[in-house]
Amino acid sequence: MIDGLQRLYCYCISVLVVWQRERLIADRCITREAWEYLKDAVEKSGDPKDAVEEILKRKTRYEVFWNIDLEGLLHYLVTFNTGQRRMSLEVQLEIMQRPLLEALEHDAKIPIFQDNKNITGKQKPKNEFSASDLVMATRAFIEFNPQLKKPDEAESLLEREKGYTDIQTSFDVGDIKDVVATLKKITIDLHPKIMEKYADNPNYKYILSGGGVFLLSFAAACGKVRNMLNMTSLEGAFERLTKELDKLEEDPLNLEEYQRTLAGIKSSRGKAVRRLVYDTFLRFFNMTTATLDWADTARQISI
């Protein structure tokens, strides 16, 4: 990988212009307007041969990266290209965790919306999961921490000294199969059931694929069950949740109560909402409550 391509591009153009000059118009390399803009400066350079030789004597700086991976290159770009427009945090996270996303796409067959498609103006379909949201959900699951934020996560990834390409190194999970199995359960099994159950309510229909604190905190609660017990216990928790969704009730996840509880949160809202979702799912998973009791959780944690 050689950096300095913009400099090389400009360097080659300058050689071409002082050498071929107005003939470039006939060759359709430049427009007449471009030539009129450059004409005075180019003609002041004197004889074309002498002008080209003068340019070729000049030095241009290149930076050569040997044996660098895509994540390492991104680390360089976002760390040192402070004078240019930086990539969004979503795109940074997506590129730096490409190995994870490949595992989710190939092993779990999860359809993932690549955040870098936003560069061309394509909007994420509401029913799909964005790459950066799945990266954050993975981190929340592994650390069973609902309080993660994208800016903090991007910064921590940039500060790592080890390589980025090995998923086992990037995430100290022990068994990547647990991550893939959990996210597959969330995205392939639970998400369609929620969309079907809440088909007439777009506010609830996409509560998982919409990203944000709900998905992240739910993943963190799943990670806590895995950490305290094991994956078998987590599978049992998923079965309990699936049975709730299979009930004939119109609102089996009590999302109306969830919204009312959110309305009562006045301070430290982001942190409080993350804890509410995390604790409510945990209490349901460990059978402290028979349903997702959002209001009771809010009373218990005093929010």
C-alpha atoms as a PDB file:
ATOM      1  CA  MET A   1       0.000   0.000   0.000  1.00  0.00           C
ATOM      2  CA  ILE A   2       1.491   3.334  -1.056  1.00  0.00           C
ATOM      3  CA  ASP A   3       0.115   6.552   0.371  1.00  0.00           C
ATOM      4  CA  GLY A   4       0.621   9.773  -1.561  1.00  0.00           C
ATOM      5  CA  LEU A   5      -1.605   8.962  -4.511  1.00  0.00           C
ATOM      6  CA  GLN A   6      -3.190  12.419  -4.535  1.00  0.00           C
ATOM      7  CA  ARG A   7       0.272  13.951  -4.709  1.00  0.00           C
ATOM      8  CA  LEU A   8       1.260  11.588  -7.537  1.00  0.00           C
ATOM      9  CA  TYR A   9      -1.954  12.413  -9.377  1.00  0.00           C
ATOM     10  CA  CYS A  10      -1.287  16.157  -9.230  1.00  0.00           C
ATOM     11  CA  TYR A  11       2.363  15.637 -10.119  1.00  0.00           C
ATOM     12  CA  CYS A  12       1.475  13.681 -13.269  1.00  0.00           C
ATOM     13  CA  ILE A  13      -1.122  16.250 -14.309  1.00  0.00           C
ATOM     14  CA  SER A  14       1.407  19.077 -14.020  1.00  0.00           C
ATOM     15  CA  VAL A  15       3.878  17.175 -16.229  1.00  0.00           C
ATOM     16  CA  LEU A  16       1.185  16.464 -18.794  1.00  0.00           C
ATOM     17  CA  VAL A  17      -0.067  20.054 -18.906  1.00  0.00           C
ATOM     18  CA  VAL A  18       3.325  21.781 -19.322  1.00  0.00           C
ATOM     19  CA  TRP A  19       4.350  19.175 -21.894  1.00  0.00           C
ATOM     20  CA  GLN A  20       1.259  18.862 -24.121  1.00  0.00           C
ATOM     21  CA  ARG A  21      -0.443  22.172 -23.277  1.00  0.00           C
ATOM     22  CA  GLU A  22      -3.326  23.184 -25.566  1.00  0.00           C
ATOM     23  CA  ARG A  23      -3.179  19.888 -27.434  1.00  0.00           C
ATOM     24  CA  LEU A  24      -4.840  18.299 -24.405  1.00  0.00           C
ATOM     25  CA  ILE A  25      -8.090  19.935 -25.453  1.00  0.00           C
ATOM     26  CA  ALA A  26      -8.106  18.098 -28.782  1.00  0.00           C
ATOM     27  CA  ASP A  27      -7.159  14.883 -26.964  1.00  0.00           C
ATOM     28  CA  ARG A  28     -10.124  15.458 -24.626  1.00  0.00           C
ATOM     29  CA  CYS A  29      -7.927  15.326 -21.546  1.00  0.00           C
ATOM     30  CA  ILE A  30      -8.979  18.769 -20.337  1.00  0.00           C
ATOM     31  CA  THR A  31     -11.733  21.234 -21.208  1.00  0.00           C
ATOM     32  CA  ARG A  32     -11.103  24.553 -22.901  1.00  0.00           C
ATOM     33  CA  GLU A  33     -12.215  26.305 -19.720  1.00  0.00           C
ATOM     34  CA  ALA A  34      -9.555  24.407 -17.759  1.00  0.00           C
ATOM     35  CA  TRP A  35      -6.886  25.363 -20.277  1.00  0.00           C
ATOM     36  CA  GLU A  36      -7.865  29.044 -20.182  1.00  0.00           C
ATOM     37  CA  TYR A  37      -7.547  28.929 -16.403  1.00  0.00           C
ATOM     38  CA  LEU A  38      -4.051  27.369 -16.547  1.00  0.00           C
ATOM     39  CA  LYS A  39      -2.777  29.008 -19.716  1.00  0.00           C
ATOM     40  CA  ASP A  40      -0.946  32.041 -18.277  1.00  0.00           C
ATOM     41  CA  ALA A  41       0.871  30.063 -15.593  1.00  0.00           C
ATOM     42  CA  VAL A  42       1.848  27.285 -18.008  1.00  0.00           C
ATOM     43  CA  GLU A  43       3.181  29.627 -20.679  1.00  0.00           C
ATOM     44  CA  LYS A  44       5.303  31.418 -18.067  1.00  0.00           C
ATOM     45  CA  SER A  45       7.123  28.132 -17.470  1.00  0.00           C
ATOM     46  CA  GLY A  46       8.863  28.535 -20.833  1.00  0.00           C
ATOM     47  CA  ASP A  47       9.833  25.803 -23.272  1.00  0.00           C
ATOM     48  CA  PRO A  48       7.812  22.594 -22.746  1.00  0.00           C
ATOM     49  CA  LYS A  49      10.902  20.351 -22.602  1.00  0.00           C
ATOM     50  CA  ASP A  50      12.676  22.605 -20.102  1.00  0.00           C
ATOM     51  CA  ALA A  51       9.512  22.976 -18.008  1.00  0.00           C
ATOM     52  CA  VAL A  52       9.020  19.201 -17.808  1.00  0.00           C
ATOM     53  CA  GLU A  53      12.651  18.654 -16.826  1.00  0.00           C
ATOM     54  CA  GLU A  54      12.273  21.252 -14.073  1.00  0.00           C
ATOM     55  CA  ILE A  55       9.207  19.510 -12.678  1.00  0.00           C
ATOM     56  CA  LEU A  56      10.903  16.096 -12.783  1.00  0.00           C
ATOM     57  CA  LYS A  57      13.743  17.435 -10.625  1.00  0.00           C
ATOM     58  CA  ARG A  58      11.314  18.105  -7.795  1.00  0.00           C
ATOM     59  CA  LYS A  59      10.811  15.614  -4.978  1.00  0.00           C
ATOM     60  CA  THR A  60       7.500  14.229  -3.825  1.00  0.00           C
ATOM     61  CA  ARG A  61       7.000  12.276  -0.619  1.00  0.00           C
ATOM     62  CA  TYR A  62       5.504   8.798  -0.467  1.00  0.00           C
ATOM     63  CA  GLU A  63       4.659   6.635   2.525  1.00  0.00           C
ATOM     64  CA  VAL A  64       4.968   2.905   2.008  1.00  0.00           C
ATOM     65  CA  PHE A  65       3.062   0.505   4.273  1.00  0.00           C
ATOM     66  CA  TRP A  66       4.442  -3.009   4.121  1.00  0.00           C
ATOM     67  CA  ASN A  67       2.314  -6.021   5.015  1.00  0.00           C
ATOM     68  CA  ILE A  68      -0.493  -3.857   6.433  1.00  0.00           C
ATOM     69  CA  ASP A  69      -4.091  -5.062   6.716  1.00  0.00           C
ATOM     70  CA  LEU A  70      -7.212  -3.018   6.097  1.00  0.00           C
ATOM     71  CA  GLU A  71      -7.820  -2.411   9.800  1.00  0.00           C
ATOM     72  CA  GLY A  72      -4.233  -1.238  10.306  1.00  0.00           C
ATOM     73  CA  LEU A  73      -4.580   1.166   7.400  1.00  0.00           C
ATOM     74  CA  LEU A  74      -7.799   2.543   8.879  1.00  0.00           C
ATOM     75  CA  HIS A  75      -5.974   3.039  12.176  1.00  0.00           C
ATOM     76  CA  TYR A  76      -3.453   5.178  10.333  1.00  0.00           C
ATOM     77  CA  LEU A  77      -6.080   7.143   8.432  1.00  0.00           C
ATOM     78  CA  VAL A  78      -8.263   8.083  11.392  1.00  0.00           C
ATOM     79  CA  THR A  79      -5.256   8.783  13.630  1.00  0.00           C
ATOM     80  CA  PHE A  80      -3.152  10.939  11.319  1.00  0.00           C
ATOM     81  CA  ASN A  81      -5.449  12.378   8.655  1.00  0.00           C
ATOM     82  CA  THR A  82      -6.701  15.109  10.954  1.00  0.00           C
ATOM     83  CA  GLY A  83      -6.715  17.682   8.170  1.00  0.00           C
ATOM     84  CA  GLN A  84      -9.188  15.705   6.100  1.00  0.00           C
ATOM     85  CA  ARG A  85     -12.772  14.634   6.628  1.00  0.00           C
ATOM     86  CA  ARG A  86     -12.837  11.545   8.823  1.00  0.00           C
ATOM     87  CA  MET A  87     -14.904   8.450   8.281  1.00  0.00           C
ATOM     88  CA  SER A  88     -18.008   8.107  10.411  1.00  0.00           C
ATOM     89  CA  LEU A  89     -17.735   6.017  13.569  1.00  0.00           C
ATOM     90  CA  GLU A  90     -20.099   3.480  12.021  1.00  0.00           C
ATOM     91  CA  VAL A  91     -17.813   2.918   9.033  1.00  0.00           C
ATOM     92  CA  GLN A  92     -14.718   2.804  11.276  1.00  0.00           C
ATOM     93  CA  LEU A  93     -16.290   0.096  13.436  1.00  0.00           C
ATOM     94  CA  GLU A  94     -17.428  -1.864  10.405  1.00  0.00           C
ATOM     95  CA  ILE A  95     -14.001  -1.930   8.741  1.00  0.00           C
ATOM     96  CA  MET A  96     -12.067  -2.633  11.924  1.00  0.00           C
ATOM     97  CA  GLN A  97     -14.282  -5.581  12.744  1.00  0.00           C
ATOM     98  CA  ARG A  98     -14.608  -7.014   9.245  1.00  0.00           C
ATOM     99  CA  PRO A  99     -13.564 -10.523  10.426  1.00  0.00           C
ATOM    100  CA  LEU A 100     -16.439 -10.549  12.918  1.00  0.00           C
ATOM    101  CA  LEU A 101     -18.945  -9.459  10.302  1.00  0.00           C
ATOM    102  CA  GLU A 102     -17.733 -12.115   7.886  1.00  0.00           C
ATOM    103  CA  ALA A 103     -18.287 -14.749  10.574  1.00  0.00           C
ATOM    104  CA  LEU A 104     -21.823 -13.481  11.166  1.00  0.00           C
ATOM    105  CA  GLU A 105     -22.643 -13.356   7.460  1.00  0.00           C
ATOM    106  CA  HIS A 106     -21.076 -16.683   6.464  1.00  0.00           C
ATOM    107  CA  ASP A 107     -21.641 -18.799   9.578  1.00  0.00           C
ATOM    108  CA  ALA A 108     -24.914 -17.396  10.886  1.00  0.00           C
ATOM    109  CA  LYS A 109     -26.295 -16.252   7.504  1.00  0.00           C
ATOM    110  CA  ILE A 110     -27.298 -12.917   9.041  1.00  0.00           C
ATOM    111  CA  PRO A 111     -28.139 -10.302   6.378  1.00  0.00           C
ATOM    112  CA  ILE A 112     -26.089  -7.256   7.351  1.00  0.00           C
ATOM    113  CA  PHE A 113     -26.440  -3.723   6.046  1.00  0.00           C
ATOM    114  CA  GLN A 114     -22.933  -2.397   5.467  1.00  0.00           C
ATOM    115  CA  ASP A 115     -22.712   1.113   6.903  1.00  0.00           C
ATOM    116  CA  ASN A 116     -20.340   2.249   4.164  1.00  0.00           C
ATOM    117  CA  LYS A 117     -23.242   2.011   1.688  1.00  0.00           C
ATOM    118  CA  ASN A 118     -24.462   5.260   3.223  1.00  0.00           C
ATOM    119  CA  ILE A 119     -21.635   6.943   1.338  1.00  0.00           C
ATOM    120  CA  THR A 120     -23.629   6.421  -1.864  1.00  0.00           C
ATOM    121  CA  GLY A 121     -26.809   7.586  -0.192  1.00  0.00           C
ATOM    122  CA  LYS A 122     -28.444   4.207   0.322  1.00  0.00           C
ATOM    123  CA  GLN A 123     -30.674   4.066   3.378  1.00  0.00           C
ATOM    124  CA  LYS A 124     -30.686   1.066   5.701  1.00  0.00           C
ATOM    125  CA  PRO A 125     -33.902  -0.979   5.418  1.00  0.00           C
ATOM    126  CA  LYS A 126     -35.665  -0.889   8.780  1.00  0.00           C
ATOM    127  CA  ASN A 127     -35.777  -4.662   9.094  1.00  0.00           C
ATOM    128  CA  GLU A 128     -32.015  -5.140   8.571  1.00  0.00           C
ATOM    129  CA  PHE A 129     -29.252  -4.880  11.166  1.00  0.00           C
ATOM    130  CA  SER A 130     -26.425  -2.437  10.550  1.00  0.00           C
ATOM    131  CA  ALA A 131     -22.859  -3.687  10.726  1.00  0.00           C
ATOM    132  CA  SER A 132     -21.839  -1.230  13.433  1.00  0.00           C
ATOM    133  CA  ASP A 133     -24.848  -2.137  15.621  1.00  0.00           C
ATOM    134  CA  LEU A 134     -23.910  -5.822  15.456  1.00  0.00           C
ATOM    135  CA  VAL A 135     -20.312  -4.988  16.352  1.00  0.00           C
ATOM    136  CA  MET A 136     -21.525  -3.052  19.387  1.00  0.00           C
ATOM    137  CA  ALA A 137     -23.972  -5.822  20.330  1.00  0.00           C
ATOM    138  CA  THR A 138     -21.108  -8.316  20.172  1.00  0.00           C
ATOM    139  CA  ARG A 139     -18.984  -6.220  22.498  1.00  0.00           C
ATOM    140  CA  ALA A 140     -21.914  -5.768  24.877  1.00  0.00           C
ATOM    141  CA  PHE A 141     -22.534  -9.537  24.892  1.00  0.00           C
ATOM    142  CA  ILE A 142     -18.890 -10.385  25.582  1.00  0.00           C
ATOM    143  CA  GLU A 143     -18.440  -7.814  28.324  1.00  0.00           C
ATOM    144  CA  PHE A 144     -22.099  -8.089  29.513  1.00  0.00           C
ATOM    145  CA  ASN A 145     -21.963  -4.301  29.623  1.00  0.00           C
ATOM    146  CA  PRO A 146     -24.984  -2.276  28.462  1.00  0.00           C
ATOM    147  CA  GLN A 147     -23.244   1.075  28.897  1.00  0.00           C
ATOM    148  CA  LEU A 148     -21.050   0.911  25.771  1.00  0.00           C
ATOM    149  CA  LYS A 149     -21.073   3.812  23.332  1.00  0.00           C
ATOM    150  CA  LYS A 150     -19.887   3.934  19.733  1.00  0.00           C
ATOM    151  CA  PRO A 151     -17.344   6.754  20.177  1.00  0.00           C
ATOM    152  CA  ASP A 152     -15.732   4.935  23.113  1.00  0.00           C
ATOM    153  CA  GLU A 153     -15.698   1.638  21.235  1.00  0.00           C
ATOM    154  CA  ALA A 154     -14.079   3.153  18.143  1.00  0.00           C
ATOM    155  CA  GLU A 155     -11.408   4.779  20.283  1.00  0.00           C
ATOM    156  CA  SER A 156     -10.649   1.555  22.157  1.00  0.00           C
ATOM    157  CA  LEU A 157     -10.248  -0.303  18.873  1.00  0.00           C
ATOM    158  CA  LEU A 158      -7.796   2.293  17.618  1.00  0.00           C
ATOM    159  CA  GLU A 159      -5.694   2.078  20.764  1.00  0.00           C
ATOM    160  CA  ARG A 160      -5.161  -1.679  20.623  1.00  0.00           C
ATOM    161  CA  GLU A 161      -1.579  -2.729  20.055  1.00  0.00           C
ATOM    162  CA  LYS A 162      -2.377  -6.208  18.722  1.00  0.00           C
ATOM    163  CA  GLY A 163      -3.532  -7.019  15.231  1.00  0.00           C
ATOM    164  CA  TYR A 164      -7.126  -6.621  14.193  1.00  0.00           C
ATOM    165  CA  THR A 165      -7.650  -9.444  11.757  1.00  0.00           C
ATOM    166  CA  ASP A 166      -7.801 -12.362  14.170  1.00  0.00           C
ATOM    167  CA  ILE A 167     -11.275 -12.404  15.692  1.00  0.00           C
ATOM    168  CA  GLN A 168     -10.057 -14.461  18.637  1.00  0.00           C
ATOM    169  CA  THR A 169      -7.454 -11.761  19.375  1.00  0.00           C
ATOM    170  CA  SER A 170      -9.774  -8.843  18.779  1.00  0.00           C
ATOM    171  CA  PHE A 171     -12.437 -10.347  21.042  1.00  0.00           C
ATOM    172  CA  ASP A 172     -11.207 -12.405  23.987  1.00  0.00           C
ATOM    173  CA  VAL A 173     -14.283 -14.611  23.900  1.00  0.00           C
ATOM    174  CA  GLY A 174     -12.926 -18.090  24.277  1.00  0.00           C
ATOM    175  CA  ASP A 175     -15.413 -19.475  21.773  1.00  0.00           C
ATOM    176  CA  ILE A 176     -16.589 -17.376  18.837  1.00  0.00           C
ATOM    177  CA  LYS A 177     -19.395 -19.875  18.295  1.00  0.00           C
ATOM    178  CA  ASP A 178     -21.194 -18.432  21.333  1.00  0.00           C
ATOM    179  CA  VAL A 179     -21.211 -14.980  19.765  1.00  0.00           C
ATOM    180  CA  VAL A 180     -22.408 -16.238  16.394  1.00  0.00           C
ATOM    181  CA  ALA A 181     -25.091 -18.458  17.946  1.00  0.00           C
ATOM    182  CA  THR A 182     -26.435 -15.654  20.130  1.00  0.00           C
ATOM    183  CA  LEU A 183     -26.595 -13.023  17.406  1.00  0.00           C
ATOM    184  CA  LYS A 184     -28.142 -15.572  15.065  1.00  0.00           C
ATOM    185  CA  LYS A 185     -30.838 -16.257  17.674  1.00  0.00           C
ATOM    186  CA  ILE A 186     -31.512 -12.539  18.086  1.00  0.00           C
ATOM    187  CA  THR A 187     -31.542 -11.601  14.411  1.00  0.00           C
ATOM    188  CA  ILE A 188     -32.848 -14.727  12.657  1.00  0.00           C
ATOM    189  CA  ASP A 189     -35.221 -16.192  15.249  1.00  0.00           C
ATOM    190  CA  LEU A 190     -36.474 -13.490  17.655  1.00  0.00           C
ATOM    191  CA  HIS A 191     -36.457 -10.494  15.330  1.00  0.00           C
ATOM    192  CA  PRO A 192     -38.903 -11.968  12.753  1.00  0.00           C
ATOM    193  CA  LYS A 193     -41.255 -13.054  15.550  1.00  0.00           C
ATOM    194  CA  ILE A 194     -41.272  -9.534  16.989  1.00  0.00           C
ATOM    195  CA  MET A 195     -41.893  -8.030  13.544  1.00  0.00           C
ATOM    196  CA  GLU A 196     -44.797 -10.430  13.029  1.00  0.00           C
ATOM    197  CA  LYS A 197     -46.309  -9.875  16.463  1.00  0.00           C
ATOM    198  CA  TYR A 198     -46.042  -6.077  16.207  1.00  0.00           C
ATOM    199  CA  ALA A 199     -46.676  -5.833  12.465  1.00  0.00           C
ATOM    200  CA  ASP A 200     -49.110  -2.922  12.857  1.00  0.00           C
ATOM    201  CA  ASN A 201     -46.873  -0.877  15.164  1.00  0.00           C
ATOM    202  CA  PRO A 202     -43.657   0.380  13.494  1.00  0.00           C
ATOM    203  CA  ASN A 203     -42.413   1.796  16.812  1.00  0.00           C
ATOM    204  CA  TYR A 204     -42.159  -1.726  18.222  1.00  0.00           C
ATOM    205  CA  LYS A 205     -41.821  -3.766  15.041  1.00  0.00           C
ATOM    206  CA  TYR A 206     -38.192  -2.742  14.489  1.00  0.00           C
ATOM    207  CA  ILE A 207     -37.162  -2.360  18.111  1.00  0.00           C
ATOM    208  CA  LEU A 208     -34.210  -4.733  17.613  1.00  0.00           C
ATOM    209  CA  SER A 209     -33.074  -3.816  14.111  1.00  0.00           C
ATOM    210  CA  GLY A 210     -33.458  -0.121  14.896  1.00  0.00           C
ATOM    211  CA  GLY A 211     -30.225  -0.371  16.847  1.00  0.00           C
ATOM    212  CA  GLY A 212     -29.667   1.879  19.805  1.00  0.00           C
ATOM    213  CA  VAL A 213     -29.856   0.976  23.457  1.00  0.00           C
ATOM    214  CA  PHE A 214     -32.493  -1.759  23.227  1.00  0.00           C
ATOM    215  CA  LEU A 215     -30.442  -4.145  21.087  1.00  0.00           C
ATOM    216  CA  LEU A 216     -27.207  -3.386  22.914  1.00  0.00           C
ATOM    217  CA  SER A 217     -28.699  -3.792  26.410  1.00  0.00           C
ATOM    218  CA  PHE A 218     -30.548  -6.957  25.425  1.00  0.00           C
ATOM    219  CA  ALA A 219     -27.292  -8.440  24.094  1.00  0.00           C
ATOM    220  CA  ALA A 220     -25.535  -7.452  27.325  1.00  0.00           C
ATOM    221  CA  ALA A 221     -28.193  -9.267  29.365  1.00  0.00           C
ATOM    222  CA  CYS A 222     -27.682 -12.376  27.233  1.00  0.00           C
ATOM    223  CA  GLY A 223     -23.962 -12.122  27.857  1.00  0.00           C
ATOM    224  CA  LYS A 224     -24.525 -11.898  31.605  1.00  0.00           C
ATOM    225  CA  VAL A 225     -26.525 -15.153  31.586  1.00  0.00           C
ATOM    226  CA  ARG A 226     -23.765 -16.849  29.603  1.00  0.00           C
ATOM    227  CA  ASN A 227     -21.120 -15.530  32.000  1.00  0.00           C
ATOM    228  CA  MET A 228     -22.945 -16.439  35.218  1.00  0.00           C
ATOM    229  CA  LEU A 229     -24.162 -19.805  33.971  1.00  0.00           C
ATOM    230  CA  ASN A 230     -23.509 -21.154  30.461  1.00  0.00           C
ATOM    231  CA  MET A 231     -24.828 -21.201  26.911  1.00  0.00           C
ATOM    232  CA  THR A 232     -27.321 -23.941  27.775  1.00  0.00           C
ATOM    233  CA  SER A 233     -28.914 -21.607  30.316  1.00  0.00           C
ATOM    234  CA  LEU A 234     -28.976 -18.810  27.748  1.00  0.00           C
ATOM    235  CA  GLU A 235     -30.724 -21.109  25.275  1.00  0.00           C
ATOM    236  CA  GLY A 236     -33.317 -21.793  27.973  1.00  0.00           C
ATOM    237  CA  ALA A 237     -33.767 -18.040  28.462  1.00  0.00           C
ATOM    238  CA  PHE A 238     -34.348 -17.623  24.734  1.00  0.00           C
ATOM    239  CA  GLU A 239     -36.972 -20.379  24.873  1.00  0.00           C
ATOM    240  CA  ARG A 240     -38.838 -18.513  27.626  1.00  0.00           C
ATOM    241  CA  LEU A 241     -38.800 -15.354  25.528  1.00  0.00           C
ATOM    242  CA  THR A 242     -39.967 -17.246  22.449  1.00  0.00           C
ATOM    243  CA  LYS A 243     -42.895 -18.720  24.387  1.00  0.00           C
ATOM    244  CA  GLU A 244     -43.948 -15.186  25.366  1.00  0.00           C
ATOM    245  CA  LEU A 245     -43.896 -14.137  21.709  1.00  0.00           C
ATOM    246  CA  ASP A 246     -45.965 -17.187  20.748  1.00  0.00           C
ATOM    247  CA  LYS A 247     -48.769 -16.209  23.119  1.00  0.00           C
ATOM    248  CA  LEU A 248     -51.992 -14.793  21.704  1.00  0.00           C
ATOM    249  CA  GLU A 249     -51.548 -11.565  23.635  1.00  0.00           C
ATOM    250  CA  GLU A 250     -51.202  -8.425  21.524  1.00  0.00           C
ATOM    251  CA  ASP A 251     -48.271  -7.073  23.528  1.00  0.00           C
ATOM    252  CA  PRO A 252     -46.339 -10.072  24.916  1.00  0.00           C
ATOM    253  CA  LEU A 253     -43.179  -8.016  25.563  1.00  0.00           C
ATOM    254  CA  ASN A 254     -45.137  -5.309  27.433  1.00  0.00           C
ATOM    255  CA  LEU A 255     -43.686  -2.634  25.177  1.00  0.00           C
ATOM    256  CA  GLU A 256     -46.525  -0.236  25.953  1.00  0.00           C
ATOM    257  CA  GLU A 257     -45.431  -0.357  29.585  1.00  0.00           C
ATOM    258  CA  TYR A 258     -41.833   0.032  28.413  1.00  0.00           C
ATOM    259  CA  GLN A 259     -42.723   3.300  26.666  1.00  0.00           C
ATOM    260  CA  ARG A 260     -44.617   4.591  29.691  1.00  0.00           C
ATOM    261  CA  THR A 261     -41.650   3.747  31.900  1.00  0.00           C
ATOM    262  CA  LEU A 262     -39.291   5.574  29.548  1.00  0.00           C
ATOM    263  CA  ALA A 263     -41.450   8.688  29.769  1.00  0.00           C
ATOM    264  CA  GLY A 264     -40.870   8.776  33.512  1.00  0.00           C
ATOM    265  CA  ILE A 265     -37.074   8.880  33.227  1.00  0.00           C
ATOM    266  CA  LYS A 266     -35.977  12.486  33.619  1.00  0.00           C
ATOM    267  CA  SER A 267     -32.250  12.410  34.437  1.00  0.00           C
ATOM    268  CA  SER A 268     -29.222  10.527  33.059  1.00  0.00           C
ATOM    269  CA  ARG A 269     -31.642   9.219  30.487  1.00  0.00           C
ATOM    270  CA  GLY A 270     -29.243   7.240  28.270  1.00  0.00           C
ATOM    271  CA  LYS A 271     -27.599   5.425  31.151  1.00  0.00           C
ATOM    272  CA  ALA A 272     -30.915   4.798  32.878  1.00  0.00           C
ATOM    273  CA  VAL A 273     -32.599   3.361  29.783  1.00  0.00           C
ATOM    274  CA  ARG A 274     -29.682   0.989  29.185  1.00  0.00           C
ATOM    275  CA  ARG A 275     -29.902  -0.256  32.746  1.00  0.00           C
ATOM    276  CA  LEU A 276     -33.692  -0.585  32.544  1.00  0.00           C
ATOM    277  CA  VAL A 277     -33.554  -2.854  29.484  1.00  0.00           C
ATOM    278  CA  TYR A 278     -30.595  -4.830  30.834  1.00  0.00           C
ATOM    279  CA  ASP A 279     -32.093  -5.423  34.276  1.00  0.00           C
ATOM    280  CA  THR A 280     -35.606  -6.158  32.990  1.00  0.00           C
ATOM    281  CA  PHE A 281     -34.370  -8.925  30.691  1.00  0.00           C
ATOM    282  CA  LEU A 282     -32.095 -10.321  33.393  1.00  0.00           C
ATOM    283  CA  ARG A 283     -34.929 -10.485  35.917  1.00  0.00           C
ATOM    284  CA  PHE A 284     -37.098 -12.247  33.349  1.00  0.00           C
ATOM    285  CA  PHE A 285     -34.334 -14.663  32.380  1.00  0.00           C
ATOM    286  CA  ASN A 286     -33.602 -15.646  35.989  1.00  0.00           C
ATOM    287  CA  MET A 287     -37.365 -15.991  36.675  1.00  0.00           C
ATOM    288  CA  THR A 288     -37.542 -13.146  39.180  1.00  0.00           C
ATOM    289  CA  THR A 289     -40.493 -11.919  37.105  1.00  0.00           C
ATOM    290  CA  ALA A 290     -42.948 -13.960  35.059  1.00  0.00           C
ATOM    291  CA  THR A 291     -43.035 -11.363  32.282  1.00  0.00           C
ATOM    292  CA  LEU A 292     -40.961  -8.401  31.163  1.00  0.00           C
ATOM    293  CA  ASP A 293     -42.005  -6.124  34.023  1.00  0.00           C
ATOM    294  CA  TRP A 294     -40.547  -2.752  33.054  1.00  0.00           C
ATOM    295  CA  ALA A 295     -42.318  -0.712  35.718  1.00  0.00           C
ATOM    296  CA  ASP A 296     -41.256  -2.986  38.571  1.00  0.00           C
ATOM    297  CA  THR A 297     -37.658  -2.961  37.346  1.00  0.00           C
ATOM    298  CA  ALA A 298     -37.712   0.841  37.293  1.00  0.00           C
ATOM    299  CA  ARG A 299     -38.921   0.867  40.900  1.00  0.00           C
ATOM    300  CA  GLN A 300     -36.271  -1.643  41.950  1.00  0.00           C
ATOM    301  CA  ILE A 301     -33.407   0.340  40.448  1.00  0.00           C
ATOM    302  CA  SER A 302     -34.941   3.695  41.451  1.00  0.00           C
ATOM    303  CA  ILE A 303     -35.185   5.409  38.077  1.00  0.00           C
END
